[in-house]
Amino acid sequence: VRTEGPRSLYNGLVAGLQRQMSFASVRIGLYDSVKQFYTK
């Protein structure tokens, strides 16, 4: 923050949010359904 400014803490945030919205929604959203499928 002192040498590069507060914005430096969020370098690459946009790419991270895009990844989470696409990747996390699938891996977490499908977890319960997949778990139920395999436990049966």
All heavy atoms as atom14 arrays in JSON, in Angstrom:
{
  "sequence": "VRTEGPRSLYNGLVAGLQRQMSFASVRIGLYDSVKQFYTK",
  "atom14_mask": [
    [1, 1, 1, 1, 1, 1, 1, 0, 0, 0, 0, 0, 0, 0],
    [1, 1, 1, 1, 1, 1, 1, 1, 1, 1, 1, 0, 0, 0],
    [1, 1, 1, 1, 1, 1, 1, 0, 0, 0, 0, 0, 0, 0],
    [1, 1, 1, 1, 1, 1, 1, 1, 1, 0, 0, 0, 0, 0],
    [1, 1, 1, 1, 0, 0, 0, 0, 0, 0, 0, 0, 0, 0],
    [1, 1, 1, 1, 1, 1, 1, 0, 0, 0, 0, 0, 0, 0],
    [1, 1, 1, 1, 1, 1, 1, 1, 1, 1, 1, 0, 0, 0],
    [1, 1, 1, 1, 1, 1, 0, 0, 0, 0, 0, 0, 0, 0],
    [1, 1, 1, 1, 1, 1, 1, 1, 0, 0, 0, 0, 0, 0],
    [1, 1, 1, 1, 1, 1, 1, 1, 1, 1, 1, 1, 0, 0],
    [1, 1, 1, 1, 1, 1, 1, 1, 0, 0, 0, 0, 0, 0],
    [1, 1, 1, 1, 0, 0, 0, 0, 0, 0, 0, 0, 0, 0],
    [1, 1, 1, 1, 1, 1, 1, 1, 0, 0, 0, 0, 0, 0],
    [1, 1, 1, 1, 1, 1, 1, 0, 0, 0, 0, 0, 0, 0],
    [1, 1, 1, 1, 1, 0, 0, 0, 0, 0, 0, 0, 0, 0],
    [1, 1, 1, 1, 0, 0, 0, 0, 0, 0, 0, 0, 0, 0],
    [1, 1, 1, 1, 1, 1, 1, 1, 0, 0, 0, 0, 0, 0],
    [1, 1, 1, 1, 1, 1, 1, 1, 1, 0, 0, 0, 0, 0],
    [1, 1, 1, 1, 1, 1, 1, 1, 1, 1, 1, 0, 0, 0],
    [1, 1, 1, 1, 1, 1, 1, 1, 1, 0, 0, 0, 0, 0],
    [1, 1, 1, 1, 1, 1, 1, 1, 0, 0, 0, 0, 0, 0],
    [1, 1, 1, 1, 1, 1, 0, 0, 0, 0, 0, 0, 0, 0],
    [1, 1, 1, 1, 1, 1, 1, 1, 1, 1, 1, 0, 0, 0],
    [1, 1, 1, 1, 1, 0, 0, 0, 0, 0, 0, 0, 0, 0],
    [1, 1, 1, 1, 1, 1, 0, 0, 0, 0, 0, 0, 0, 0],
    [1, 1, 1, 1, 1, 1, 1, 0, 0, 0, 0, 0, 0, 0],
    [1, 1, 1, 1, 1, 1, 1, 1, 1, 1, 1, 0, 0, 0],
    [1, 1, 1, 1, 1, 1, 1, 1, 0, 0, 0, 0, 0, 0],
    [1, 1, 1, 1, 0, 0, 0, 0, 0, 0, 0, 0, 0, 0],
    [1, 1, 1, 1, 1, 1, 1, 1, 0, 0, 0, 0, 0, 0],
    [1, 1, 1, 1, 1, 1, 1, 1, 1, 1, 1, 1, 0, 0],
    [1, 1, 1, 1, 1, 1, 1, 1, 0, 0, 0, 0, 0, 0],
    [1, 1, 1, 1, 1, 1, 0, 0, 0, 0, 0, 0, 0, 0],
    [1, 1, 1, 1, 1, 1, 1, 0, 0, 0, 0, 0, 0, 0],
    [1, 1, 1, 1, 1, 1, 1, 1, 1, 0, 0, 0, 0, 0],
    [1, 1, 1, 1, 1, 1, 1, 1, 1, 0, 0, 0, 0, 0],
    [1, 1, 1, 1, 1, 1, 1, 1, 1, 1, 1, 0, 0, 0],
    [1, 1, 1, 1, 1, 1, 1, 1, 1, 1, 1, 1, 0, 0],
    [1, 1, 1, 1, 1, 1, 1, 0, 0, 0, 0, 0, 0, 0],
    [1, 1, 1, 1, 1, 1, 1, 1, 1, 0, 0, 0, 0, 0]
  ],
  "atom14_positions": [
    [[0.84, -1.2, 0.0], [0.0, 0.0, 0.0], [0.87, 1.25, 0.0], [0.58, 2.22, -0.72], [-0.94, 0.0, 1.23], [-1.65, 1.34, 1.36], [-1.97, -1.12, 1.09], [0.0, 0.0, 0.0], [0.0, 0.0, 0.0], [0.0, 0.0, 0.0], [0.0, 0.0, 0.0], [0.0, 0.0, 0.0], [0.0, 0.0, 0.0], [0.0, 0.0, 0.0]],
    [[1.95, 1.21, 0.76], [2.83, 2.38, 0.87], [3.63, 2.61, -0.4], [3.82, 3.76, -0.82], [3.78, 2.19, 2.06], [4.65, 3.43, 2.34], [5.47, 3.26, 3.6], [6.44, 2.17, 3.49], [6.34, 1.02, 4.14], [5.31, 0.8, 4.94], [7.26, 0.08, 3.99], [0.0, 0.0, 0.0], [0.0, 0.0, 0.0], [0.0, 0.0, 0.0]],
    [[4.12, 1.56, -1.03], [5.01, 1.71, -2.19], [4.29, 1.66, -3.54], [4.75, 2.26, -4.51], [6.1, 0.62, -2.16], [5.48, -0.68, -2.19], [6.97, 0.75, -0.92], [0.0, 0.0, 0.0], [0.0, 0.0, 0.0], [0.0, 0.0, 0.0], [0.0, 0.0, 0.0], [0.0, 0.0, 0.0], [0.0, 0.0, 0.0], [0.0, 0.0, 0.0]],
    [[3.17, 0.92, -3.6], [2.49, 0.74, -4.89], [1.05, 1.24, -4.9], [0.42, 1.26, -5.96], [2.5, -0.75, -5.27], [3.89, -1.37, -5.32], [3.83, -2.87, -5.55], [3.04, -3.3, -6.41], [4.57, -3.61, -4.87], [0.0, 0.0, 0.0], [0.0, 0.0, 0.0], [0.0, 0.0, 0.0], [0.0, 0.0, 0.0], [0.0, 0.0, 0.0]],
    [[0.54, 1.61, -3.74], [-0.83, 2.07, -3.66], [-1.8, 0.95, -3.33], [-1.5, -0.23, -3.56], [0.0, 0.0, 0.0], [0.0, 0.0, 0.0], [0.0, 0.0, 0.0], [0.0, 0.0, 0.0], [0.0, 0.0, 0.0], [0.0, 0.0, 0.0], [0.0, 0.0, 0.0], [0.0, 0.0, 0.0], [0.0, 0.0, 0.0], [0.0, 0.0, 0.0]],
    [[-2.99, 1.27, -2.79], [-3.96, 0.24, -2.39], [-4.43, -0.65, -3.54], [-4.75, -1.82, -3.33], [-5.14, 1.07, -1.84], [-4.54, 2.39, -1.48], [-3.44, 2.62, -2.47], [0.0, 0.0, 0.0], [0.0, 0.0, 0.0], [0.0, 0.0, 0.0], [0.0, 0.0, 0.0], [0.0, 0.0, 0.0], [0.0, 0.0, 0.0], [0.0, 0.0, 0.0]],
    [[-4.45, -0.11, -4.76], [-4.95, -0.9, -5.9], [-4.05, -2.09, -6.21], [-4.49, -3.06, -6.84], [-5.09, -0.01, -7.13], [-6.14, 1.08, -7.01], [-6.26, 1.9, -8.26], [-6.7, 1.11, -9.41], [-6.87, 1.58, -10.62], [-6.63, 2.88, -10.86], [-7.27, 0.8, -11.61], [0.0, 0.0, 0.0], [0.0, 0.0, 0.0], [0.0, 0.0, 0.0]],
    [[-2.8, -2.03, -5.77], [-1.88, -3.14, -6.05], [-2.32, -4.43, -5.36], [-1.97, -5.53, -5.8], [-0.46, -2.78, -5.6], [-0.4, -2.59, -4.19], [0.0, 0.0, 0.0], [0.0, 0.0, 0.0], [0.0, 0.0, 0.0], [0.0, 0.0, 0.0], [0.0, 0.0, 0.0], [0.0, 0.0, 0.0], [0.0, 0.0, 0.0], [0.0, 0.0, 0.0]],
    [[-3.09, -4.3, -4.27], [-3.56, -5.48, -3.55], [-4.59, -6.26, -4.36], [-4.86, -7.43, -4.07], [-4.18, -5.06, -2.21], [-3.25, -4.38, -1.21], [-4.04, -3.91, -0.01], [-2.14, -5.31, -0.77], [0.0, 0.0, 0.0], [0.0, 0.0, 0.0], [0.0, 0.0, 0.0], [0.0, 0.0, 0.0], [0.0, 0.0, 0.0], [0.0, 0.0, 0.0]],
    [[-5.16, -5.6, -5.36], [-6.23, -6.24, -6.15], [-5.82, -6.44, -7.6], [-6.68, -6.57, -8.47], [-7.5, -5.4, -6.07], [-8.19, -5.51, -4.72], [-7.9, -4.6, -3.7], [-9.09, -6.53, -4.46], [-8.51, -4.7, -2.47], [-9.71, -6.64, -3.23], [-9.42, -5.72, -2.23], [-10.03, -5.84, -1.0], [0.0, 0.0, 0.0], [0.0, 0.0, 0.0]],
    [[-4.51, -6.49, -7.87], [-4.06, -6.8, -9.23], [-4.51, -8.2, -9.62], [-4.25, -9.17, -8.91], [-2.52, -6.72, -9.31], [-2.02, -5.29, -9.26], [-2.75, -4.36, -9.57], [-0.76, -5.1, -8.87], [0.0, 0.0, 0.0], [0.0, 0.0, 0.0], [0.0, 0.0, 0.0], [0.0, 0.0, 0.0], [0.0, 0.0, 0.0], [0.0, 0.0, 0.0]],
    [[-5.19, -8.3, -10.75], [-5.68, -9.59, -11.21], [-7.04, -9.97, -10.64], [-7.49, -11.11, -10.82], [0.0, 0.0, 0.0], [0.0, 0.0, 0.0], [0.0, 0.0, 0.0], [0.0, 0.0, 0.0], [0.0, 0.0, 0.0], [0.0, 0.0, 0.0], [0.0, 0.0, 0.0], [0.0, 0.0, 0.0], [0.0, 0.0, 0.0], [0.0, 0.0, 0.0]],
    [[-7.72, -9.03, -9.99], [-9.01, -9.34, -9.36], [-10.07, -9.71, -10.39], [-10.85, -10.66, -10.18], [-9.5, -8.16, -8.52], [-10.88, -8.32, -7.89], [-10.9, -9.47, -6.89], [-11.32, -7.03, -7.21], [0.0, 0.0, 0.0], [0.0, 0.0, 0.0], [0.0, 0.0, 0.0], [0.0, 0.0, 0.0], [0.0, 0.0, 0.0], [0.0, 0.0, 0.0]],
    [[-10.12, -8.99, -11.5], [-11.16, -9.23, -12.51], [-11.08, -10.67, -13.03], [-12.1, -11.37, -13.12], [-11.05, -8.23, -13.67], [-12.04, -8.58, -14.77], [-11.29, -6.81, -13.17], [0.0, 0.0, 0.0], [0.0, 0.0, 0.0], [0.0, 0.0, 0.0], [0.0, 0.0, 0.0], [0.0, 0.0, 0.0], [0.0, 0.0, 0.0], [0.0, 0.0, 0.0]],
    [[-9.86, -11.11, -13.35], [-9.69, -12.48, -13.82], [-10.09, -13.48, -12.74], [-10.68, -14.53, -13.02], [-8.25, -12.72, -14.24], [0.0, 0.0, 0.0], [0.0, 0.0, 0.0], [0.0, 0.0, 0.0], [0.0, 0.0, 0.0], [0.0, 0.0, 0.0], [0.0, 0.0, 0.0], [0.0, 0.0, 0.0], [0.0, 0.0, 0.0], [0.0, 0.0, 0.0]],
    [[-9.77, -13.14, -11.48], [-10.13, -14.02, -10.37], [-11.64, -14.15, -10.21], [-12.16, -15.24, -9.97], [0.0, 0.0, 0.0], [0.0, 0.0, 0.0], [0.0, 0.0, 0.0], [0.0, 0.0, 0.0], [0.0, 0.0, 0.0], [0.0, 0.0, 0.0], [0.0, 0.0, 0.0], [0.0, 0.0, 0.0], [0.0, 0.0, 0.0], [0.0, 0.0, 0.0]],
    [[-12.36, -13.03, -10.35], [-13.81, -13.05, -10.22], [-14.46, -13.84, -11.36], [-15.43, -14.57, -11.15], [-14.36, -11.63, -10.18], [-13.98, -10.79, -8.95], [-14.58, -9.4, -9.05], [-14.44, -11.47, -7.66], [0.0, 0.0, 0.0], [0.0, 0.0, 0.0], [0.0, 0.0, 0.0], [0.0, 0.0, 0.0], [0.0, 0.0, 0.0], [0.0, 0.0, 0.0]],
    [[-13.91, -13.65, -12.57], [-14.43, -14.41, -13.71], [-14.24, -15.91, -13.49], [-15.14, -16.71, -13.79], [-13.73, -13.97, -14.99], [-14.09, -12.57, -15.43], [-13.27, -12.1, -16.62], [-12.23, -12.67, -16.94], [-13.72, -11.04, -17.28], [0.0, 0.0, 0.0], [0.0, 0.0, 0.0], [0.0, 0.0, 0.0], [0.0, 0.0, 0.0], [0.0, 0.0, 0.0]],
    [[-13.09, -16.27, -12.97], [-12.82, -17.69, -12.7], [-13.77, -18.23, -11.64], [-14.33, -19.32, -11.79], [-11.36, -17.86, -12.26], [-11.0, -19.28, -11.86], [-9.56, -19.35, -11.39], [-9.2, -20.7, -10.98], [-9.42, -21.2, -9.76], [-10.02, -20.47, -8.84], [-9.05, -22.44, -9.47], [0.0, 0.0, 0.0], [0.0, 0.0, 0.0], [0.0, 0.0, 0.0]],
    [[-13.96, -17.47, -10.57], [-14.81, -17.95, -9.49], [-16.26, -18.08, -9.94], [-16.94, -19.04, -9.59], [-14.73, -17.0, -8.29], [-13.39, -16.95, -7.6], [-13.0, -18.27, -6.97], [-13.78, -19.21, -6.93], [-11.78, -18.36, -6.47], [0.0, 0.0, 0.0], [0.0, 0.0, 0.0], [0.0, 0.0, 0.0], [0.0, 0.0, 0.0], [0.0, 0.0, 0.0]],
    [[-16.73, -17.12, -10.73], [-18.14, -17.14, -11.14], [-18.42, -18.35, -12.04], [-19.51, -18.93, -11.98], [-18.49, -15.85, -11.88], [-19.98, -15.59, -11.97], [-20.71, -15.36, -10.33], [-22.44, -15.71, -10.66], [0.0, 0.0, 0.0], [0.0, 0.0, 0.0], [0.0, 0.0, 0.0], [0.0, 0.0, 0.0], [0.0, 0.0, 0.0], [0.0, 0.0, 0.0]],
    [[-17.44, -18.72, -12.84], [-17.65, -19.86, -13.74], [-17.26, -21.18, -13.08], [-17.99, -22.17, -13.16], [-16.85, -19.67, -15.04], [-15.47, -19.5, -14.76], [0.0, 0.0, 0.0], [0.0, 0.0, 0.0], [0.0, 0.0, 0.0], [0.0, 0.0, 0.0], [0.0, 0.0, 0.0], [0.0, 0.0, 0.0], [0.0, 0.0, 0.0], [0.0, 0.0, 0.0]],
    [[-16.1, -21.19, -12.41], [-15.56, -22.44, -11.87], [-16.23, -22.84, -10.56], [-16.66, -23.98, -10.39], [-14.05, -22.27, -11.68], [-13.35, -23.51, -11.17], [-13.49, -24.71, -11.83], [-12.55, -23.45, -10.04], [-12.84, -25.85, -11.36], [-11.9, -24.57, -9.57], [-12.04, -25.77, -10.23], [0.0, 0.0, 0.0], [0.0, 0.0, 0.0], [0.0, 0.0, 0.0]],
    [[-16.33, -21.88, -9.62], [-16.9, -22.21, -8.31], [-18.37, -22.54, -8.4], [-18.86, -23.4, -7.66], [-16.68, -21.04, -7.35], [0.0, 0.0, 0.0], [0.0, 0.0, 0.0], [0.0, 0.0, 0.0], [0.0, 0.0, 0.0], [0.0, 0.0, 0.0], [0.0, 0.0, 0.0], [0.0, 0.0, 0.0], [0.0, 0.0, 0.0], [0.0, 0.0, 0.0]],
    [[-19.09, -21.87, -9.3], [-20.51, -22.16, -9.43], [-20.74, -23.6, -9.84], [-21.71, -24.24, -9.41], [-21.15, -21.21, -10.45], [-20.56, -21.37, -11.72], [0.0, 0.0, 0.0], [0.0, 0.0, 0.0], [0.0, 0.0, 0.0], [0.0, 0.0, 0.0], [0.0, 0.0, 0.0], [0.0, 0.0, 0.0], [0.0, 0.0, 0.0], [0.0, 0.0, 0.0]],
    [[-19.83, -24.15, -10.66], [-19.97, -25.53, -11.11], [-19.51, -26.5, -10.02], [-20.23, -27.43, -9.64], [-19.17, -25.77, -12.41], [-19.19, -27.25, -12.78], [-19.75, -24.93, -13.54], [0.0, 0.0, 0.0], [0.0, 0.0, 0.0], [0.0, 0.0, 0.0], [0.0, 0.0, 0.0], [0.0, 0.0, 0.0], [0.0, 0.0, 0.0], [0.0, 0.0, 0.0]],
    [[-18.3, -26.3, -9.49], [-17.74, -27.28, -8.55], [-18.5, -27.31, -7.22], [-18.69, -28.38, -6.64], [-16.25, -26.99, -8.3], [-15.94, -25.76, -7.48], [-14.43, -25.56, -7.36], [-14.09, -24.35, -6.63], [-13.88, -24.31, -5.31], [-13.99, -25.41, -4.61], [-13.56, -23.18, -4.72], [0.0, 0.0, 0.0], [0.0, 0.0, 0.0], [0.0, 0.0, 0.0]],
    [[-18.95, -26.16, -6.75], [-19.68, -26.13, -5.48], [-21.16, -26.38, -5.7], [-21.81, -27.11, -4.96], [-19.46, -24.78, -4.77], [-17.98, -24.58, -4.46], [-20.27, -24.72, -3.47], [-17.63, -23.2, -3.96], [0.0, 0.0, 0.0], [0.0, 0.0, 0.0], [0.0, 0.0, 0.0], [0.0, 0.0, 0.0], [0.0, 0.0, 0.0], [0.0, 0.0, 0.0]],
    [[-21.7, -25.78, -6.77], [-23.12, -25.94, -7.05], [-23.52, -27.36, -7.36], [-24.62, -27.8, -7.04], [0.0, 0.0, 0.0], [0.0, 0.0, 0.0], [0.0, 0.0, 0.0], [0.0, 0.0, 0.0], [0.0, 0.0, 0.0], [0.0, 0.0, 0.0], [0.0, 0.0, 0.0], [0.0, 0.0, 0.0], [0.0, 0.0, 0.0], [0.0, 0.0, 0.0]],
    [[-22.61, -28.11, -7.97], [-22.92, -29.5, -8.35], [-22.55, -30.51, -7.27], [-22.86, -31.68, -7.41], [-22.18, -29.87, -9.64], [-22.76, -29.32, -10.95], [-21.9, -29.77, -12.13], [-24.19, -29.79, -11.15], [0.0, 0.0, 0.0], [0.0, 0.0, 0.0], [0.0, 0.0, 0.0], [0.0, 0.0, 0.0], [0.0, 0.0, 0.0], [0.0, 0.0, 0.0]],
    [[-21.87, -30.06, -6.23], [-21.33, -31.01, -5.25], [-22.42, -31.88, -4.62], [-22.29, -33.1, -4.55], [-20.57, -30.26, -4.15], [-20.12, -31.15, -3.02], [-19.12, -32.09, -3.21], [-20.73, -31.08, -1.76], [-18.71, -32.92, -2.18], [-20.33, -31.92, -0.73], [-19.32, -32.83, -0.94], [-18.93, -33.64, 0.08], [0.0, 0.0, 0.0], [0.0, 0.0, 0.0]],
    [[-23.5, -31.26, -4.15], [-24.56, -32.03, -3.49], [-25.17, -33.06, -4.44], [-25.41, -34.21, -4.05], [-25.65, -31.09, -2.98], [-25.21, -30.32, -1.75], [-24.3, -30.81, -1.06], [-25.76, -29.24, -1.49], [0.0, 0.0, 0.0], [0.0, 0.0, 0.0], [0.0, 0.0, 0.0], [0.0, 0.0, 0.0], [0.0, 0.0, 0.0], [0.0, 0.0, 0.0]],
    [[-25.41, -32.64, -5.69], [-26.02, -33.54, -6.65], [-25.1, -34.72, -6.97], [-25.54, -35.88, -7.04], [-26.37, -32.78, -7.94], [-27.25, -31.72, -7.67], [0.0, 0.0, 0.0], [0.0, 0.0, 0.0], [0.0, 0.0, 0.0], [0.0, 0.0, 0.0], [0.0, 0.0, 0.0], [0.0, 0.0, 0.0], [0.0, 0.0, 0.0], [0.0, 0.0, 0.0]],
    [[-23.83, -34.43, -7.16], [-22.86, -35.49, -7.46], [-22.7, -36.43, -6.27], [-22.63, -37.65, -6.42], [-21.5, -34.88, -7.87], [-20.45, -35.96, -8.02], [-21.65, -34.09, -9.16], [0.0, 0.0, 0.0], [0.0, 0.0, 0.0], [0.0, 0.0, 0.0], [0.0, 0.0, 0.0], [0.0, 0.0, 0.0], [0.0, 0.0, 0.0], [0.0, 0.0, 0.0]],
    [[-22.66, -35.85, -5.07], [-22.52, -36.67, -3.86], [-23.7, -37.62, -3.72], [-23.51, -38.81, -3.42], [-22.44, -35.75, -2.62], [-22.25, -36.52, -1.32], [-22.25, -35.59, -0.13], [-23.65, -35.07, 0.15], [-23.71, -34.31, 1.41], [0.0, 0.0, 0.0], [0.0, 0.0, 0.0], [0.0, 0.0, 0.0], [0.0, 0.0, 0.0], [0.0, 0.0, 0.0]],
    [[-24.91, -37.12, -3.94], [-26.08, -37.96, -3.84], [-26.06, -39.07, -4.9], [-26.43, -40.21, -4.63], [-27.34, -37.12, -4.0], [-27.59, -36.17, -2.83], [-28.7, -35.19, -3.11], [-29.37, -35.28, -4.14], [-28.9, -34.25, -2.2], [0.0, 0.0, 0.0], [0.0, 0.0, 0.0], [0.0, 0.0, 0.0], [0.0, 0.0, 0.0], [0.0, 0.0, 0.0]],
    [[-25.58, -38.73, -6.09], [-25.53, -39.71, -7.17], [-24.59, -40.86, -6.83], [-24.91, -42.04, -7.0], [-25.07, -39.03, -8.46], [-24.86, -39.99, -9.59], [-25.93, -40.46, -10.34], [-23.58, -40.42, -9.93], [-25.73, -41.34, -11.4], [-23.37, -41.31, -10.98], [-24.45, -41.76, -11.71], [0.0, 0.0, 0.0], [0.0, 0.0, 0.0], [0.0, 0.0, 0.0]],
    [[-23.4, -40.53, -6.29], [-22.4, -41.56, -6.02], [-22.7, -42.33, -4.74], [-22.37, -43.51, -4.64], [-21.0, -40.95, -5.94], [-20.38, -40.75, -7.3], [-20.29, -39.48, -7.86], [-19.91, -41.82, -8.05], [-19.75, -39.3, -9.12], [-19.36, -41.65, -9.31], [-19.28, -40.37, -9.84], [-18.74, -40.19, -11.08], [0.0, 0.0, 0.0], [0.0, 0.0, 0.0]],
    [[-23.29, -41.66, -3.75], [-23.58, -42.39, -2.51], [-24.71, -43.38, -2.69], [-24.85, -44.32, -1.9], [-23.95, -41.4, -1.38], [-24.98, -40.52, -1.85], [-22.75, -40.59, -0.95], [0.0, 0.0, 0.0], [0.0, 0.0, 0.0], [0.0, 0.0, 0.0], [0.0, 0.0, 0.0], [0.0, 0.0, 0.0], [0.0, 0.0, 0.0], [0.0, 0.0, 0.0]],
    [[-25.52, -43.19, -3.73], [-26.57, -44.16, -4.01], [-26.02, -45.41, -4.69], [-26.61, -46.46, -4.65], [-27.65, -43.52, -4.9], [-28.51, -42.5, -4.17], [-29.53, -41.89, -5.1], [-30.36, -40.83, -4.39], [-31.35, -40.19, -5.31], [0.0, 0.0, 0.0], [0.0, 0.0, 0.0], [0.0, 0.0, 0.0], [0.0, 0.0, 0.0], [0.0, 0.0, 0.0]]
  ]
}
